[in-house]
Structure formats: structure tokens, C-alpha cells
Amino acid sequence: MLIIGITGTIGAGKGTIVDFLVQKKGFIHFPVRAFLIEEIKKRNLEVNRDSMVEVANDLREKYSPSYIVDQLYERASNSNANCVIESIRTVGEVESLRSKGAFCLFSVDALPDLRYERIVKRASETDHISFETFLANEQREMNSDKPNEQNLKKCIEMADFRFSNNGTIQDLEQAVEAVLKEVNAKKQAGC
């Protein structure tokens, strides 16, 4: 069993990597977004990026910096299949997942204009925002010294493999395919 975590900037292509892993490689997907939306609805809050950040930070403060991904990891490990956990956002989450064994962290980034264009097209409940709000949201999530808050910059730095997604979907899929071959070769060699 291999568990891949995915981190990266907003609209960079985390979902595209997940789609490839699920549809072409048979991975099971465990999204942080869905976990948070369940909790947001339990709390009768509006489903938006502000609520996601607020609820995620609250859960991490109450339980642990890695609480959310630990819950998803437990579900993933019960599947006995290759899994992908999307989206890793705190240093504590990375450290906790690394301590559990067969784990690999991918990060993905792309140019800001391209990422904004992608979120406008994706049109999820958290994506109906201006470019200025998009940049402000990302800045808020990029760096924090508080262990319960998001620190995408550090998570990206901690990634085992980094992908630049300024090209086509096929370019990104080929890059992921090459990394999977490398990961599988290391796994077979006992690394």
C-alpha cells in the first residue's frame, strides 16, 4: 500500500493529479475538502474558503495539527489499497503522515494567472471570487508559524516530488507517471 499526499497552491492542479491517480492508476481518493465540508455543514456554516480555513484551524487546535489527515489516513489504511490524500496544508500533517510508513508527498504549482483561470472554470462553491481575493486567500494560507494554521510554502518545500503545471494536462500526467515509476522502483528495492 502506498499513500500519496498532495499539496500545492490554489488551482495549481492537485485535482488533476488526483484524477490521474484514481482513473488511471486505481488509487482511492480521500479529500480534505470533503471532510471539511461535512464538518462545515454540521456547524451550519456557509461553505466557502473562509469557513474551510476556520473549521480546519479549529479542528487542528482542538485535537492536533495533523488531526484531519490522521482521520483520512485511518480511512485510507483500512482500504488496503493505494490512496491519495488531497490536500496537505500544515507541517504537522506532513510529519504525521511521514511517520506512518509508505507515504510520499507531491506538490504542484503554476503561474498565478493560469491558476486563477482554472478556478474560475472549475466553479466550485469556494471559487466564486475576484483575482484580488484569490491572491489574498493564497497569501493567508502560504505561511504561518502557528502549527494549527496552514503553511503551504513549507509543505511545498517538504515535498518529495514537485510538479510545475504550466503546460497541458498530458504534460502533468506524464510527469506524474515518471515519478510513480521511480517511487515503485524504490519501493521494490526496499527503500
Protein backbone atom coordinates (compact mmCIF):
# COMPACT_ATOMS: atom_id res chain seq x y z
CA MET A 1 0.00 0.00 0.00
CA LEU A 2 1.24 3.48 -0.92
CA ILE A 3 -0.29 6.71 0.31
CA ILE A 4 0.42 9.86 -1.66
CA GLY A 5 -0.29 13.24 -0.15
CA ILE A 6 -0.79 16.23 -2.39
CA THR A 7 -0.05 19.84 -1.51
CA GLY A 8 0.21 22.93 -3.64
CA THR A 9 -1.09 26.34 -4.43
CA ILE A 10 -4.74 27.12 -5.14
CA GLY A 11 -5.78 25.96 -8.63
CA ALA A 12 -2.35 24.50 -9.42
CA GLY A 13 -3.59 21.04 -10.43
CA LYS A 14 -3.96 18.97 -7.26
CA GLY A 15 -7.30 17.68 -8.55
CA THR A 16 -5.80 16.87 -11.94
CA ILE A 17 -3.16 14.70 -10.29
CA VAL A 18 -5.85 13.05 -8.16
CA ASP A 19 -7.97 12.33 -11.24
CA PHE A 20 -4.99 10.69 -12.95
CA LEU A 21 -4.15 8.58 -9.90
CA VAL A 22 -7.78 7.50 -9.40
CA GLN A 23 -8.85 6.97 -13.01
CA LYS A 24 -5.65 5.57 -14.50
CA LYS A 25 -3.82 4.06 -11.53
CA GLY A 26 -6.67 2.77 -9.35
CA PHE A 27 -5.93 4.90 -6.27
CA ILE A 28 -8.68 5.68 -3.77
CA HIS A 29 -9.19 9.39 -3.09
CA PHE A 30 -9.53 10.91 0.39
CA PRO A 31 -10.06 14.69 0.03
CA VAL A 32 -9.58 17.11 2.91
CA ARG A 33 -12.17 19.38 1.22
CA ALA A 34 -14.95 16.78 1.55
CA PHE A 35 -14.01 16.11 5.18
CA LEU A 36 -14.19 19.84 5.95
CA ILE A 37 -17.45 20.36 4.05
CA GLU A 38 -19.05 17.63 6.20
CA GLU A 39 -17.90 19.45 9.33
CA ILE A 40 -18.94 22.88 8.00
CA LYS A 41 -22.45 21.58 7.31
CA LYS A 42 -22.64 20.05 10.81
CA ARG A 43 -21.85 23.52 12.18
CA ASN A 44 -24.45 25.17 9.89
CA LEU A 45 -21.84 27.45 8.33
CA GLU A 46 -21.68 28.70 4.77
CA VAL A 47 -19.48 26.54 2.55
CA ASN A 48 -16.71 28.88 1.44
CA ARG A 49 -12.95 29.19 1.77
CA ASP A 50 -13.19 31.28 4.95
CA SER A 51 -15.29 28.58 6.65
CA MET A 52 -12.89 25.89 5.48
CA VAL A 53 -9.90 27.71 6.99
CA GLU A 54 -11.81 28.49 10.21
CA VAL A 55 -13.07 24.92 10.71
CA ALA A 56 -9.75 23.32 9.76
CA ASN A 57 -7.83 25.54 12.16
CA ASP A 58 -10.38 24.86 14.90
CA LEU A 59 -10.13 21.07 14.47
CA ARG A 60 -6.35 21.25 14.50
CA GLU A 61 -6.36 23.41 17.62
CA LYS A 62 -8.80 21.12 19.47
CA TYR A 63 -7.22 17.79 18.53
CA SER A 64 -3.78 18.15 16.90
CA PRO A 65 -2.11 19.87 13.93
CA SER A 66 -2.45 16.61 11.98
CA TYR A 67 -5.99 15.68 13.07
CA ILE A 68 -7.71 15.98 9.68
CA VAL A 69 -5.19 13.95 7.70
CA ASP A 70 -4.88 11.44 10.54
CA GLN A 71 -8.62 10.79 10.19
CA LEU A 72 -8.24 10.40 6.43
CA TYR A 73 -5.14 8.22 6.84
CA GLU A 74 -7.10 5.87 9.09
CA ARG A 75 -9.79 5.53 6.41
CA ALA A 76 -7.12 5.04 3.74
CA SER A 77 -5.19 2.42 5.70
CA ASN A 78 -8.41 0.43 6.24
CA SER A 79 -8.82 0.23 2.45
CA ASN A 80 -5.58 -1.76 1.97
CA ALA A 81 -5.23 -0.04 -1.40
CA ASN A 82 -3.06 2.70 -2.86
CA CYS A 83 -4.59 6.00 -1.75
CA VAL A 84 -4.21 9.71 -2.31
CA ILE A 85 -4.92 12.29 0.40
CA GLU A 86 -5.61 15.74 -1.02
CA SER A 87 -4.73 18.48 0.20
CA ILE A 88 -1.95 18.62 2.76
CA ARG A 89 -1.60 22.12 4.24
CA THR A 90 0.32 22.01 7.54
CA VAL A 91 3.78 20.89 8.56
CA GLY A 92 2.22 18.71 11.27
CA GLU A 93 0.21 16.86 8.64
CA VAL A 94 3.33 16.11 6.60
CA GLU A 95 5.26 14.98 9.67
CA SER A 96 2.43 12.75 10.91
CA LEU A 97 1.94 11.07 7.53
CA ARG A 98 5.69 10.53 7.11
CA SER A 99 5.82 8.80 10.49
CA LYS A 100 3.24 6.23 9.38
CA GLY A 101 5.24 4.46 6.70
CA ALA A 102 4.73 4.18 2.95
CA PHE A 103 4.00 7.85 2.28
CA CYS A 104 5.12 10.20 -0.46
CA LEU A 105 4.32 13.93 -0.74
CA PHE A 106 3.71 15.55 -4.13
CA SER A 107 3.45 19.32 -4.59
CA VAL A 108 2.15 21.19 -7.60
CA ASP A 109 2.35 24.85 -8.60
CA ALA A 110 1.63 27.01 -11.64
CA LEU A 111 1.61 30.66 -12.60
CA PRO A 112 -0.98 32.74 -10.64
CA ASP A 113 -2.94 33.96 -13.70
CA LEU A 114 -3.25 30.42 -15.02
CA ARG A 115 -4.32 29.09 -11.62
CA TYR A 116 -6.99 31.80 -11.27
CA GLU A 117 -8.30 30.99 -14.76
CA ARG A 118 -8.57 27.33 -13.70
CA ILE A 119 -10.53 28.02 -10.52
CA VAL A 120 -12.97 30.24 -12.42
CA LYS A 121 -13.59 27.34 -14.84
CA ARG A 122 -13.87 24.76 -12.03
CA ALA A 123 -16.52 26.94 -10.34
CA SER A 124 -16.75 25.07 -7.03
CA GLU A 125 -18.59 26.63 -4.10
CA THR A 126 -15.34 28.22 -2.85
CA ASP A 127 -14.17 29.57 -6.23
CA HIS A 128 -16.57 32.47 -6.91
CA ILE A 129 -14.03 35.16 -6.04
CA SER A 130 -12.12 38.03 -7.65
CA PHE A 131 -8.47 37.73 -8.63
CA GLU A 132 -7.57 40.03 -5.73
CA THR A 133 -9.42 37.78 -3.24
CA PHE A 134 -7.77 34.74 -4.80
CA LEU A 135 -4.32 36.25 -4.19
CA ALA A 136 -5.26 37.35 -0.65
CA ASN A 137 -6.58 33.86 0.21
CA GLU A 138 -3.41 32.29 -1.05
CA GLN A 139 -1.21 34.71 0.87
CA ARG A 140 -3.15 33.95 4.07
CA GLU A 141 -2.59 30.21 3.57
CA MET A 142 1.01 30.41 2.40
CA ASN A 143 2.93 30.96 5.61
CA SER A 144 2.26 30.72 9.33
CA ASP A 145 4.41 29.98 12.35
CA LYS A 146 1.36 28.60 14.18
CA PRO A 147 1.28 24.78 13.99
CA ASN A 148 -2.51 24.64 13.59
CA GLU A 149 -2.62 27.02 10.65
CA GLN A 150 -1.82 26.46 7.01
CA ASN A 151 1.74 26.80 5.79
CA LEU A 152 1.67 25.85 2.12
CA LYS A 153 5.11 27.28 1.49
CA LYS A 154 6.74 24.92 3.99
CA CYS A 155 4.65 21.93 2.86
CA ILE A 156 5.73 22.56 -0.73
CA GLU A 157 9.36 22.72 0.43
CA MET A 158 8.89 19.37 2.25
CA ALA A 159 7.53 17.61 -0.86
CA ASP A 160 9.32 14.51 -2.12
CA PHE A 161 8.41 15.45 -5.70
CA ARG A 162 7.44 18.83 -7.15
CA PHE A 163 5.47 19.42 -10.32
CA SER A 164 5.20 22.59 -12.36
CA ASN A 165 1.83 22.66 -14.10
CA ASN A 166 2.08 25.47 -16.62
CA GLY A 167 1.56 23.15 -19.59
CA THR A 168 -1.09 20.68 -20.64
CA ILE A 169 -2.86 18.02 -18.61
CA GLN A 170 -0.93 15.43 -20.62
CA ASP A 171 2.37 17.06 -19.61
CA LEU A 172 1.41 16.85 -15.95
CA GLU A 173 0.21 13.24 -16.27
CA GLN A 174 3.48 12.23 -17.94
CA ALA A 175 5.47 13.84 -15.13
CA VAL A 176 3.37 12.03 -12.51
CA GLU A 177 3.75 8.75 -14.40
CA ALA A 178 7.54 9.12 -14.39
CA VAL A 179 7.57 9.81 -10.64
CA LEU A 180 5.31 6.82 -9.94
CA LYS A 181 7.79 4.59 -11.77
CA GLU A 182 10.58 5.98 -9.60
CA VAL A 183 8.54 5.52 -6.39
CA ASN A 184 7.60 1.95 -7.33
CA ALA A 185 11.23 1.10 -8.17
CA LYS A 186 12.35 2.38 -4.75
CA LYS A 187 9.51 0.51 -3.05
CA GLN A 188 10.51 -2.76 -4.76
CA ALA A 189 14.13 -2.18 -3.79
CA GLY A 190 13.04 -1.86 -0.17
CA CYS A 191 13.76 1.87 0.19
